[in-house]
Amino acid sequence: MFGQLLLGVAGNRGVRSLVTGSSLSRPVVARFVAGDDVDAATAAVRTLTGDGIAATLDRLGEDVTEEAQADETVAGYRDLVERLAAEGLAAGNEISIKLSALGQGLGRSGPQRATERAHDLAAHAREHGVDVTVDMEDHTRVDDTLTTVAALRADFPRTGCVLQAMLRRTEGDARDLAVAGSRVRLVKGAYNEPPEVAYPAKADVDKAYVRCLRTLLDGGAYPMIATHDLRIVNLAEELLRGRDAGTAEFQMLYGIRAPEQQRLARAGHVVRVYVPYGTDWYGYFSRRLAERPANLAFFARSLVAG
């Protein structure tokens, strides 16, 4: 309830202008966002690699209103992929793409054009040894996003997708995607969704998450267990006990629970950190604050201290 309220407030243009225009925001944003450009993103990957942790990189920018912006997103990702390859950082790392940033919402042809742009990126990434995962956004985009993922997997079987446990439909989607080799990032969800389509209670979301994880594992998929909830992390470790190495991986966000990331890596698990970068950080930042009251408290303390 608190998170949904905060997301609603964050959508106000005045609030957005206040936060993005304040010089006090930037040091706090730096906790969750690697930096503004490819140089910063590459530096973050190099540091993670040194700790035995993989990365998935998100070039921030969801509010695409014209085709030129979507094309710019593609060009930016292509530059990133080439930089990773040039610096020997391609192997084991990936990019995460939001279809809204590729023009999915631009008119009736938006979903198809976004699929075409995603296909172009997937081909470029594979050529340079980098994987691709397609992010999931709010519930109105799930069907179009899964359609795009299916189209990409026809040519690029390693294409990952994302499922949000908070959505009531997700258990059915998990059953559909629970096949050998299917890379699925399982998250709780961070969008402000109505109760008709999403579980409003955290306890119900947690239970749905575990049910979906079991479904993916039992079906032979490759779950990417994206959570900072230590109860679920511990349960997942129990579920993975006795299974072949490489059955699943853990994922966490840049700037959150770094000691736990390192513990999991030392324990022999594949660990991947979601590394966002870019100047259009407000939407991502708002969702991070809404996910955990502790994040909001950290933000408030930093503003007061500033």
C-alpha atoms as a PDB file:
ATOM      1  CA  MET A   1       0.000   0.000   0.000  1.00  0.00           C
ATOM      2  CA  PHE A   2       2.786   2.454   0.944  1.00  0.00           C
ATOM      3  CA  GLY A   3       4.726   1.654  -2.223  1.00  0.00           C
ATOM      4  CA  GLN A   4       1.700   2.178  -4.448  1.00  0.00           C
ATOM      5  CA  LEU A   5       0.988   5.515  -2.768  1.00  0.00           C
ATOM      6  CA  LEU A   6       4.575   6.644  -3.270  1.00  0.00           C
ATOM      7  CA  LEU A   7       4.504   5.629  -6.935  1.00  0.00           C
ATOM      8  CA  GLY A   8       1.322   7.628  -7.395  1.00  0.00           C
ATOM      9  CA  VAL A   9       2.938  10.721  -5.878  1.00  0.00           C
ATOM     10  CA  ALA A  10       6.104  10.175  -7.927  1.00  0.00           C
ATOM     11  CA  GLY A  11       4.046  10.344 -11.121  1.00  0.00           C
ATOM     12  CA  ASN A  12       3.156  13.976 -10.384  1.00  0.00           C
ATOM     13  CA  ARG A  13       5.010  16.332 -12.746  1.00  0.00           C
ATOM     14  CA  GLY A  14       5.748  18.780  -9.962  1.00  0.00           C
ATOM     15  CA  VAL A  15       7.319  16.091  -7.797  1.00  0.00           C
ATOM     16  CA  ARG A  16       9.374  14.855 -10.724  1.00  0.00           C
ATOM     17  CA  SER A  17      10.625  18.350 -11.469  1.00  0.00           C
ATOM     18  CA  LEU A  18      11.498  18.942  -7.817  1.00  0.00           C
ATOM     19  CA  VAL A  19      13.474  15.709  -7.452  1.00  0.00           C
ATOM     20  CA  THR A  20      15.307  15.803 -10.790  1.00  0.00           C
ATOM     21  CA  GLY A  21      16.121  19.488 -10.445  1.00  0.00           C
ATOM     22  CA  SER A  22      17.610  19.240  -6.978  1.00  0.00           C
ATOM     23  CA  SER A  23      21.375  19.002  -6.699  1.00  0.00           C
ATOM     24  CA  LEU A  24      20.809  17.110  -3.453  1.00  0.00           C
ATOM     25  CA  SER A  25      19.272  14.192  -5.347  1.00  0.00           C
ATOM     26  CA  ARG A  26      22.314  13.250  -7.360  1.00  0.00           C
ATOM     27  CA  PRO A  27      24.491  11.781  -4.587  1.00  0.00           C
ATOM     28  CA  VAL A  28      21.551   9.610  -3.542  1.00  0.00           C
ATOM     29  CA  VAL A  29      20.780   8.543  -7.090  1.00  0.00           C
ATOM     30  CA  ALA A  30      24.432   7.505  -7.417  1.00  0.00           C
ATOM     31  CA  ARG A  31      23.749   4.717  -4.940  1.00  0.00           C
ATOM     32  CA  PHE A  32      21.332   3.052  -7.376  1.00  0.00           C
ATOM     33  CA  VAL A  33      22.564   4.261 -10.800  1.00  0.00           C
ATOM     34  CA  ALA A  34      26.093   3.551 -12.029  1.00  0.00           C
ATOM     35  CA  GLY A  35      26.471   6.852 -13.867  1.00  0.00           C
ATOM     36  CA  ASP A  36      25.417   8.851 -16.890  1.00  0.00           C
ATOM     37  CA  ASP A  37      27.233   7.147 -19.741  1.00  0.00           C
ATOM     38  CA  VAL A  38      28.889   4.056 -21.220  1.00  0.00           C
ATOM     39  CA  ASP A  39      32.172   4.854 -19.468  1.00  0.00           C
ATOM     40  CA  ALA A  40      30.471   4.657 -16.084  1.00  0.00           C
ATOM     41  CA  ALA A  41      28.570   1.504 -17.011  1.00  0.00           C
ATOM     42  CA  THR A  42      31.728  -0.233 -18.204  1.00  0.00           C
ATOM     43  CA  ALA A  43      33.605   0.751 -15.054  1.00  0.00           C
ATOM     44  CA  ALA A  44      30.837  -0.776 -12.920  1.00  0.00           C
ATOM     45  CA  VAL A  45      30.991  -4.024 -14.902  1.00  0.00           C
ATOM     46  CA  ARG A  46      34.754  -4.182 -14.510  1.00  0.00           C
ATOM     47  CA  THR A  47      34.443  -3.822 -10.731  1.00  0.00           C
ATOM     48  CA  LEU A  48      31.749  -6.505 -10.508  1.00  0.00           C
ATOM     49  CA  THR A  49      33.736  -8.865 -12.699  1.00  0.00           C
ATOM     50  CA  GLY A  50      36.665  -8.490 -10.333  1.00  0.00           C
ATOM     51  CA  ASP A  51      34.396  -9.757  -7.538  1.00  0.00           C
ATOM     52  CA  GLY A  52      33.241 -12.736  -9.598  1.00  0.00           C
ATOM     53  CA  ILE A  53      29.824 -11.191 -10.263  1.00  0.00           C
ATOM     54  CA  ALA A  54      28.154 -10.821 -13.658  1.00  0.00           C
ATOM     55  CA  ALA A  55      26.125  -7.828 -14.837  1.00  0.00           C
ATOM     56  CA  THR A  56      23.025  -6.987 -16.788  1.00  0.00           C
ATOM     57  CA  LEU A  57      23.012  -3.408 -18.037  1.00  0.00           C
ATOM     58  CA  ASP A  58      19.979  -1.166 -18.456  1.00  0.00           C
ATOM     59  CA  ARG A  59      20.278   2.050 -20.448  1.00  0.00           C
ATOM     60  CA  LEU A  60      17.680   4.149 -18.674  1.00  0.00           C
ATOM     61  CA  GLY A  61      14.947   5.894 -20.619  1.00  0.00           C
ATOM     62  CA  GLU A  62      11.306   4.763 -20.674  1.00  0.00           C
ATOM     63  CA  ASP A  63       9.461   7.930 -21.666  1.00  0.00           C
ATOM     64  CA  VAL A  64       9.875   7.603 -25.425  1.00  0.00           C
ATOM     65  CA  THR A  65       7.510   9.890 -27.343  1.00  0.00           C
ATOM     66  CA  GLU A  66       8.932   9.689 -30.868  1.00  0.00           C
ATOM     67  CA  GLU A  67      10.675   7.238 -33.180  1.00  0.00           C
ATOM     68  CA  ALA A  68      13.967   9.116 -33.103  1.00  0.00           C
ATOM     69  CA  GLN A  69      14.290   8.503 -29.363  1.00  0.00           C
ATOM     70  CA  ALA A  70      13.753   4.771 -29.856  1.00  0.00           C
ATOM     71  CA  ASP A  71      16.407   4.702 -32.565  1.00  0.00           C
ATOM     72  CA  GLU A  72      18.756   6.574 -30.242  1.00  0.00           C
ATOM     73  CA  THR A  73      18.206   3.891 -27.601  1.00  0.00           C
ATOM     74  CA  VAL A  74      19.187   1.198 -30.073  1.00  0.00           C
ATOM     75  CA  ALA A  75      22.315   3.113 -31.056  1.00  0.00           C
ATOM     76  CA  GLY A  76      23.230   3.587 -27.401  1.00  0.00           C
ATOM     77  CA  TYR A  77      22.927  -0.115 -26.663  1.00  0.00           C
ATOM     78  CA  ARG A  78      24.954  -0.997 -29.739  1.00  0.00           C
ATOM     79  CA  ASP A  79      27.750   1.284 -28.504  1.00  0.00           C
ATOM     80  CA  LEU A  80      27.586  -0.352 -25.085  1.00  0.00           C
ATOM     81  CA  VAL A  81      27.810  -3.865 -26.520  1.00  0.00           C
ATOM     82  CA  GLU A  82      30.799  -2.914 -28.647  1.00  0.00           C
ATOM     83  CA  ARG A  83      32.549  -1.359 -25.652  1.00  0.00           C
ATOM     84  CA  LEU A  84      32.015  -4.475 -23.539  1.00  0.00           C
ATOM     85  CA  ALA A  85      33.471  -6.632 -26.289  1.00  0.00           C
ATOM     86  CA  ALA A  86      36.409  -4.296 -26.893  1.00  0.00           C
ATOM     87  CA  GLU A  87      37.341  -4.361 -23.202  1.00  0.00           C
ATOM     88  CA  GLY A  88      36.990  -8.118 -22.806  1.00  0.00           C
ATOM     89  CA  LEU A  89      33.851  -7.803 -20.676  1.00  0.00           C
ATOM     90  CA  ALA A  90      31.297  -9.423 -22.990  1.00  0.00           C
ATOM     91  CA  ALA A  91      31.423 -13.034 -21.820  1.00  0.00           C
ATOM     92  CA  GLY A  92      28.862 -13.798 -19.138  1.00  0.00           C
ATOM     93  CA  ASN A  93      27.323 -10.324 -19.201  1.00  0.00           C
ATOM     94  CA  GLU A  94      24.125  -9.072 -20.807  1.00  0.00           C
ATOM     95  CA  ILE A  95      21.954  -6.080 -21.595  1.00  0.00           C
ATOM     96  CA  SER A  96      18.406  -5.557 -20.341  1.00  0.00           C
ATOM     97  CA  ILE A  97      16.068  -3.763 -22.719  1.00  0.00           C
ATOM     98  CA  LYS A  98      12.693  -2.156 -22.085  1.00  0.00           C
ATOM     99  CA  LEU A  99      10.390  -2.335 -25.075  1.00  0.00           C
ATOM    100  CA  SER A 100       8.824   1.002 -24.128  1.00  0.00           C
ATOM    101  CA  ALA A 101      12.257   2.535 -24.752  1.00  0.00           C
ATOM    102  CA  LEU A 102      12.230   0.893 -28.193  1.00  0.00           C
ATOM    103  CA  GLY A 103       8.921   2.503 -29.136  1.00  0.00           C
ATOM    104  CA  GLN A 104       6.429  -0.153 -28.041  1.00  0.00           C
ATOM    105  CA  GLY A 105       3.882   2.499 -27.065  1.00  0.00           C
ATOM    106  CA  LEU A 106       4.155   4.613 -30.220  1.00  0.00           C
ATOM    107  CA  GLY A 107       0.857   3.984 -31.989  1.00  0.00           C
ATOM    108  CA  ARG A 108      -0.636   0.821 -33.434  1.00  0.00           C
ATOM    109  CA  SER A 109       2.621  -0.196 -35.081  1.00  0.00           C
ATOM    110  CA  GLY A 110       4.603   0.374 -31.877  1.00  0.00           C
ATOM    111  CA  PRO A 111       4.776  -3.252 -30.688  1.00  0.00           C
ATOM    112  CA  GLN A 112       5.948  -4.482 -34.081  1.00  0.00           C
ATOM    113  CA  ARG A 113       8.525  -1.720 -34.474  1.00  0.00           C
ATOM    114  CA  ALA A 114       9.806  -2.387 -30.960  1.00  0.00           C
ATOM    115  CA  THR A 115      10.156  -6.078 -31.826  1.00  0.00           C
ATOM    116  CA  GLU A 116      12.150  -5.187 -34.930  1.00  0.00           C
ATOM    117  CA  ARG A 117      14.460  -2.941 -32.931  1.00  0.00           C
ATOM    118  CA  ALA A 118      14.868  -5.621 -30.267  1.00  0.00           C
ATOM    119  CA  HIS A 119      15.741  -8.163 -32.968  1.00  0.00           C
ATOM    120  CA  ASP A 120      18.399  -5.806 -34.314  1.00  0.00           C
ATOM    121  CA  LEU A 121      19.872  -5.433 -30.843  1.00  0.00           C
ATOM    122  CA  ALA A 122      19.766  -9.169 -30.126  1.00  0.00           C
ATOM    123  CA  ALA A 123      21.621  -9.896 -33.370  1.00  0.00           C
ATOM    124  CA  HIS A 124      24.249  -7.264 -32.589  1.00  0.00           C
ATOM    125  CA  ALA A 125      24.643  -8.510 -29.030  1.00  0.00           C
ATOM    126  CA  ARG A 126      25.060 -12.155 -30.057  1.00  0.00           C
ATOM    127  CA  GLU A 127      27.664 -11.144 -32.630  1.00  0.00           C
ATOM    128  CA  HIS A 128      29.702  -9.655 -29.772  1.00  0.00           C
ATOM    129  CA  GLY A 129      29.063 -12.420 -27.232  1.00  0.00           C
ATOM    130  CA  VAL A 130      26.568 -10.518 -25.065  1.00  0.00           C
ATOM    131  CA  ASP A 131      23.194 -11.900 -23.945  1.00  0.00           C
ATOM    132  CA  VAL A 132      19.867 -10.026 -23.922  1.00  0.00           C
ATOM    133  CA  THR A 133      16.979 -10.016 -21.471  1.00  0.00           C
ATOM    134  CA  VAL A 134      13.717  -8.233 -22.221  1.00  0.00           C
ATOM    135  CA  ASP A 135      12.401  -6.388 -19.169  1.00  0.00           C
ATOM    136  CA  MET A 136       8.743  -6.513 -18.156  1.00  0.00           C
ATOM    137  CA  GLU A 137       6.794  -3.344 -17.499  1.00  0.00           C
ATOM    138  CA  ASP A 138       3.264  -2.668 -16.246  1.00  0.00           C
ATOM    139  CA  HIS A 139       0.409  -5.123 -16.765  1.00  0.00           C
ATOM    140  CA  THR A 140      -0.893  -3.409 -19.916  1.00  0.00           C
ATOM    141  CA  ARG A 141       2.287  -4.411 -21.760  1.00  0.00           C
ATOM    142  CA  VAL A 142       2.651  -8.046 -20.692  1.00  0.00           C
ATOM    143  CA  ASP A 143       1.002  -9.674 -23.704  1.00  0.00           C
ATOM    144  CA  ASP A 144       2.897  -7.575 -26.242  1.00  0.00           C
ATOM    145  CA  THR A 145       6.153  -8.162 -24.376  1.00  0.00           C
ATOM    146  CA  LEU A 146       5.726 -11.945 -24.251  1.00  0.00           C
ATOM    147  CA  THR A 147       4.878 -11.914 -27.960  1.00  0.00           C
ATOM    148  CA  THR A 148       8.134 -10.088 -28.649  1.00  0.00           C
ATOM    149  CA  VAL A 149      10.095 -12.527 -26.480  1.00  0.00           C
ATOM    150  CA  ALA A 150       8.652 -15.481 -28.384  1.00  0.00           C
ATOM    151  CA  ALA A 151       9.628 -13.863 -31.691  1.00  0.00           C
ATOM    152  CA  LEU A 152      13.170 -13.183 -30.486  1.00  0.00           C
ATOM    153  CA  ARG A 153      13.638 -16.685 -29.118  1.00  0.00           C
ATOM    154  CA  ALA A 154      12.908 -18.132 -32.548  1.00  0.00           C
ATOM    155  CA  ASP A 155      16.287 -16.743 -33.651  1.00  0.00           C
ATOM    156  CA  PHE A 156      17.999 -16.124 -30.304  1.00  0.00           C
ATOM    157  CA  PRO A 157      16.974 -18.912 -27.894  1.00  0.00           C
ATOM    158  CA  ARG A 158      18.979 -17.445 -25.012  1.00  0.00           C
ATOM    159  CA  THR A 159      16.827 -14.311 -24.905  1.00  0.00           C
ATOM    160  CA  GLY A 160      15.707 -13.817 -21.321  1.00  0.00           C
ATOM    161  CA  CYS A 161      12.363 -12.519 -20.168  1.00  0.00           C
ATOM    162  CA  VAL A 162      10.949 -11.210 -16.901  1.00  0.00           C
ATOM    163  CA  LEU A 163       7.915 -12.260 -14.881  1.00  0.00           C
ATOM    164  CA  GLN A 164       6.423 -10.283 -12.000  1.00  0.00           C
ATOM    165  CA  ALA A 165       5.068 -12.416  -9.158  1.00  0.00           C
ATOM    166  CA  MET A 166       2.698  -9.675  -8.040  1.00  0.00           C
ATOM    167  CA  LEU A 167       0.519 -10.121 -11.131  1.00  0.00           C
ATOM    168  CA  ARG A 168      -2.259 -12.677 -10.738  1.00  0.00           C
ATOM    169  CA  ARG A 169      -1.665 -14.014 -14.248  1.00  0.00           C
ATOM    170  CA  THR A 170       2.020 -14.773 -13.697  1.00  0.00           C
ATOM    171  CA  GLU A 171       1.691 -18.347 -12.454  1.00  0.00           C
ATOM    172  CA  GLY A 172       0.130 -19.269 -15.791  1.00  0.00           C
ATOM    173  CA  ASP A 173       2.894 -17.446 -17.658  1.00  0.00           C
ATOM    174  CA  ALA A 174       5.477 -19.286 -15.555  1.00  0.00           C
ATOM    175  CA  ARG A 175       3.983 -22.638 -16.557  1.00  0.00           C
ATOM    176  CA  ASP A 176       4.148 -21.600 -20.224  1.00  0.00           C
ATOM    177  CA  LEU A 177       7.787 -20.545 -19.915  1.00  0.00           C
ATOM    178  CA  ALA A 178       8.940 -23.475 -17.770  1.00  0.00           C
ATOM    179  CA  VAL A 179      10.801 -25.314 -20.517  1.00  0.00           C
ATOM    180  CA  ALA A 180      14.422 -26.394 -20.841  1.00  0.00           C
ATOM    181  CA  GLY A 181      16.807 -23.515 -21.465  1.00  0.00           C
ATOM    182  CA  SER A 182      14.211 -20.800 -20.855  1.00  0.00           C
ATOM    183  CA  ARG A 183      15.950 -17.894 -19.102  1.00  0.00           C
ATOM    184  CA  VAL A 184      13.385 -16.202 -16.854  1.00  0.00           C
ATOM    185  CA  ARG A 185      14.120 -13.398 -14.412  1.00  0.00           C
ATOM    186  CA  LEU A 186      11.576 -13.688 -11.607  1.00  0.00           C
ATOM    187  CA  VAL A 187      10.866 -10.470  -9.716  1.00  0.00           C
ATOM    188  CA  LYS A 188       8.201  -9.420  -7.255  1.00  0.00           C
ATOM    189  CA  GLY A 189       7.234  -6.359  -9.321  1.00  0.00           C
ATOM    190  CA  ALA A 190       7.629  -2.635  -8.794  1.00  0.00           C
ATOM    191  CA  TYR A 191       4.769  -1.016 -10.725  1.00  0.00           C
ATOM    192  CA  ASN A 192       1.646   0.595  -9.304  1.00  0.00           C
ATOM    193  CA  GLU A 193      -0.918  -2.032 -10.331  1.00  0.00           C
ATOM    194  CA  PRO A 194      -4.657  -2.223  -9.543  1.00  0.00           C
ATOM    195  CA  PRO A 195      -5.851  -5.020  -7.222  1.00  0.00           C
ATOM    196  CA  GLU A 196      -7.869  -6.589 -10.035  1.00  0.00           C
ATOM    197  CA  VAL A 197      -4.650  -7.675 -11.734  1.00  0.00           C
ATOM    198  CA  ALA A 198      -2.131  -7.776  -8.867  1.00  0.00           C
ATOM    199  CA  TYR A 199      -1.957  -9.076  -5.308  1.00  0.00           C
ATOM    200  CA  PRO A 200      -2.155  -6.065  -2.978  1.00  0.00           C
ATOM    201  CA  ALA A 201      -0.729  -7.882   0.057  1.00  0.00           C
ATOM    202  CA  LYS A 202       3.008  -8.462   0.307  1.00  0.00           C
ATOM    203  CA  ALA A 203       2.495 -11.903   1.863  1.00  0.00           C
ATOM    204  CA  ASP A 204       0.489 -13.031  -1.160  1.00  0.00           C
ATOM    205  CA  VAL A 205       3.162 -11.718  -3.529  1.00  0.00           C
ATOM    206  CA  ASP A 206       5.824 -13.637  -1.610  1.00  0.00           C
ATOM    207  CA  LYS A 207       3.833 -16.868  -1.788  1.00  0.00           C
ATOM    208  CA  ALA A 208       3.223 -16.392  -5.504  1.00  0.00           C
ATOM    209  CA  TYR A 209       6.943 -15.791  -6.019  1.00  0.00           C
ATOM    210  CA  VAL A 210       7.852 -19.106  -4.417  1.00  0.00           C
ATOM    211  CA  ARG A 211       5.171 -20.979  -6.380  1.00  0.00           C
ATOM    212  CA  CYS A 212       6.469 -19.502  -9.641  1.00  0.00           C
ATOM    213  CA  LEU A 213      10.066 -20.347  -8.732  1.00  0.00           C
ATOM    214  CA  ARG A 214       9.140 -23.969  -8.065  1.00  0.00           C
ATOM    215  CA  THR A 215       7.274 -24.130 -11.377  1.00  0.00           C
ATOM    216  CA  LEU A 216      10.260 -22.813 -13.324  1.00  0.00           C
ATOM    217  CA  LEU A 217      12.700 -25.167 -11.622  1.00  0.00           C
ATOM    218  CA  ASP A 218      10.464 -28.226 -12.022  1.00  0.00           C
ATOM    219  CA  GLY A 219       9.956 -27.449 -15.710  1.00  0.00           C
ATOM    220  CA  GLY A 220      13.680 -27.252 -16.416  1.00  0.00           C
ATOM    221  CA  ALA A 221      13.834 -23.518 -17.030  1.00  0.00           C
ATOM    222  CA  TYR A 222      16.757 -21.377 -15.898  1.00  0.00           C
ATOM    223  CA  PRO A 223      15.315 -19.061 -13.241  1.00  0.00           C
ATOM    224  CA  MET A 224      17.113 -15.807 -12.573  1.00  0.00           C
ATOM    225  CA  ILE A 225      16.076 -15.307  -8.958  1.00  0.00           C
ATOM    226  CA  ALA A 226      15.867 -11.534  -8.637  1.00  0.00           C
ATOM    227  CA  THR A 227      15.167 -10.594  -5.036  1.00  0.00           C
ATOM    228  CA  HIS A 228      16.674  -8.883  -2.001  1.00  0.00           C
ATOM    229  CA  ASP A 229      14.344 -10.728   0.354  1.00  0.00           C
ATOM    230  CA  LEU A 230      16.711 -12.859   2.403  1.00  0.00           C
ATOM    231  CA  ARG A 231      13.950 -15.289   3.320  1.00  0.00           C
ATOM    232  CA  ILE A 232      13.394 -16.060  -0.341  1.00  0.00           C
ATOM    233  CA  VAL A 233      17.136 -16.156  -1.021  1.00  0.00           C
ATOM    234  CA  ASN A 234      17.553 -18.771   1.692  1.00  0.00           C
ATOM    235  CA  LEU A 235      14.587 -20.788   0.447  1.00  0.00           C
ATOM    236  CA  ALA A 236      15.938 -20.666  -3.095  1.00  0.00           C
ATOM    237  CA  GLU A 237      19.296 -21.973  -1.894  1.00  0.00           C
ATOM    238  CA  GLU A 238      17.475 -24.905  -0.309  1.00  0.00           C
ATOM    239  CA  LEU A 239      15.537 -25.571  -3.522  1.00  0.00           C
ATOM    240  CA  LEU A 240      18.792 -25.545  -5.491  1.00  0.00           C
ATOM    241  CA  ARG A 241      20.584 -27.887  -3.113  1.00  0.00           C
ATOM    242  CA  GLY A 242      21.438 -31.117  -4.913  1.00  0.00           C
ATOM    243  CA  ARG A 243      20.643 -29.719  -8.357  1.00  0.00           C
ATOM    244  CA  ASP A 244      23.252 -29.401 -11.083  1.00  0.00           C
ATOM    245  CA  ALA A 245      25.464 -26.321 -11.063  1.00  0.00           C
ATOM    246  CA  GLY A 246      24.188 -23.710 -13.470  1.00  0.00           C
ATOM    247  CA  THR A 247      20.546 -24.565 -12.787  1.00  0.00           C
ATOM    248  CA  ALA A 248      19.741 -20.982 -11.779  1.00  0.00           C
ATOM    249  CA  GLU A 249      21.288 -17.688 -10.782  1.00  0.00           C
ATOM    250  CA  PHE A 250      20.665 -14.937  -8.249  1.00  0.00           C
ATOM    251  CA  GLN A 251      20.156 -11.338  -9.294  1.00  0.00           C
ATOM    252  CA  MET A 252      20.182  -8.150  -7.260  1.00  0.00           C
ATOM    253  CA  LEU A 253      20.156  -4.451  -8.009  1.00  0.00           C
ATOM    254  CA  TYR A 254      23.193  -2.237  -8.196  1.00  0.00           C
ATOM    255  CA  GLY A 255      23.798  -0.613  -4.818  1.00  0.00           C
ATOM    256  CA  ILE A 256      21.604  -2.957  -2.788  1.00  0.00           C
ATOM    257  CA  ARG A 257      22.813  -5.795  -0.523  1.00  0.00           C
ATOM    258  CA  ALA A 258      26.343  -5.902  -1.906  1.00  0.00           C
ATOM    259  CA  PRO A 259      27.595  -8.119   0.973  1.00  0.00           C
ATOM    260  CA  GLU A 260      24.879 -10.673   0.201  1.00  0.00           C
ATOM    261  CA  GLN A 261      25.822 -10.602  -3.484  1.00  0.00           C
ATOM    262  CA  GLN A 262      29.397 -11.395  -2.539  1.00  0.00           C
ATOM    263  CA  ARG A 263      28.352 -14.127  -0.092  1.00  0.00           C
ATOM    264  CA  LEU A 264      26.311 -15.884  -2.754  1.00  0.00           C
ATOM    265  CA  ALA A 265      29.167 -15.638  -5.249  1.00  0.00           C
ATOM    266  CA  ARG A 266      31.619 -17.090  -2.725  1.00  0.00           C
ATOM    267  CA  ALA A 267      29.168 -19.934  -2.106  1.00  0.00           C
ATOM    268  CA  GLY A 268      29.485 -20.894  -5.773  1.00  0.00           C
ATOM    269  CA  HIS A 269      26.256 -19.422  -7.127  1.00  0.00           C
ATOM    270  CA  VAL A 270      26.047 -17.420 -10.326  1.00  0.00           C
ATOM    271  CA  VAL A 271      25.264 -13.864  -9.225  1.00  0.00           C
ATOM    272  CA  ARG A 272      24.274 -11.045 -11.544  1.00  0.00           C
ATOM    273  CA  VAL A 273      23.792  -7.381 -10.692  1.00  0.00           C
ATOM    274  CA  TYR A 274      21.319  -5.192 -12.547  1.00  0.00           C
ATOM    275  CA  VAL A 275      23.301  -2.071 -13.463  1.00  0.00           C
ATOM    276  CA  PRO A 276      21.283   0.934 -14.677  1.00  0.00           C
ATOM    277  CA  TYR A 277      23.005   3.913 -16.233  1.00  0.00           C
ATOM    278  CA  GLY A 278      22.003   7.068 -18.067  1.00  0.00           C
ATOM    279  CA  THR A 279      20.547  10.494 -17.410  1.00  0.00           C
ATOM    280  CA  ASP A 280      16.842   9.549 -17.526  1.00  0.00           C
ATOM    281  CA  TRP A 281      16.872   7.974 -14.078  1.00  0.00           C
ATOM    282  CA  TYR A 282      13.708   9.299 -12.425  1.00  0.00           C
ATOM    283  CA  GLY A 283      11.310   6.419 -13.208  1.00  0.00           C
ATOM    284  CA  TYR A 284      13.792   3.785 -12.112  1.00  0.00           C
ATOM    285  CA  PHE A 285      14.736   5.730  -8.990  1.00  0.00           C
ATOM    286  CA  SER A 286      11.095   6.182  -7.959  1.00  0.00           C
ATOM    287  CA  ARG A 287      10.440   2.441  -8.129  1.00  0.00           C
ATOM    288  CA  ARG A 288      13.486   1.712  -5.995  1.00  0.00           C
ATOM    289  CA  LEU A 289      12.214   4.096  -3.318  1.00  0.00           C
ATOM    290  CA  ALA A 290       8.738   2.559  -3.451  1.00  0.00           C
ATOM    291  CA  GLU A 291      10.009  -1.014  -3.089  1.00  0.00           C
ATOM    292  CA  ARG A 292      11.451  -0.605   0.387  1.00  0.00           C
ATOM    293  CA  PRO A 293      10.773   2.038   3.069  1.00  0.00           C
ATOM    294  CA  ALA A 294      14.468   1.783   3.966  1.00  0.00           C
ATOM    295  CA  ASN A 295      15.365   3.220   0.575  1.00  0.00           C
ATOM    296  CA  LEU A 296      13.060   6.186   1.133  1.00  0.00           C
ATOM    297  CA  ALA A 297      14.533   6.734   4.611  1.00  0.00           C
ATOM    298  CA  PHE A 298      18.033   6.695   3.105  1.00  0.00           C
ATOM    299  CA  PHE A 299      16.906   9.305   0.548  1.00  0.00           C
ATOM    300  CA  ALA A 300      15.326  11.523   3.209  1.00  0.00           C
ATOM    301  CA  ARG A 301      18.367  11.338   5.499  1.00  0.00           C
ATOM    302  CA  SER A 302      20.647  12.288   2.619  1.00  0.00           C
ATOM    303  CA  LEU A 303      18.555  15.318   1.728  1.00  0.00           C
ATOM    304  CA  VAL A 304      18.505  16.491   5.335  1.00  0.00           C
ATOM    305  CA  ALA A 305      22.255  15.933   5.675  1.00  0.00           C
ATOM    306  CA  GLY A 306      22.821  17.892   2.466  1.00  0.00           C
END
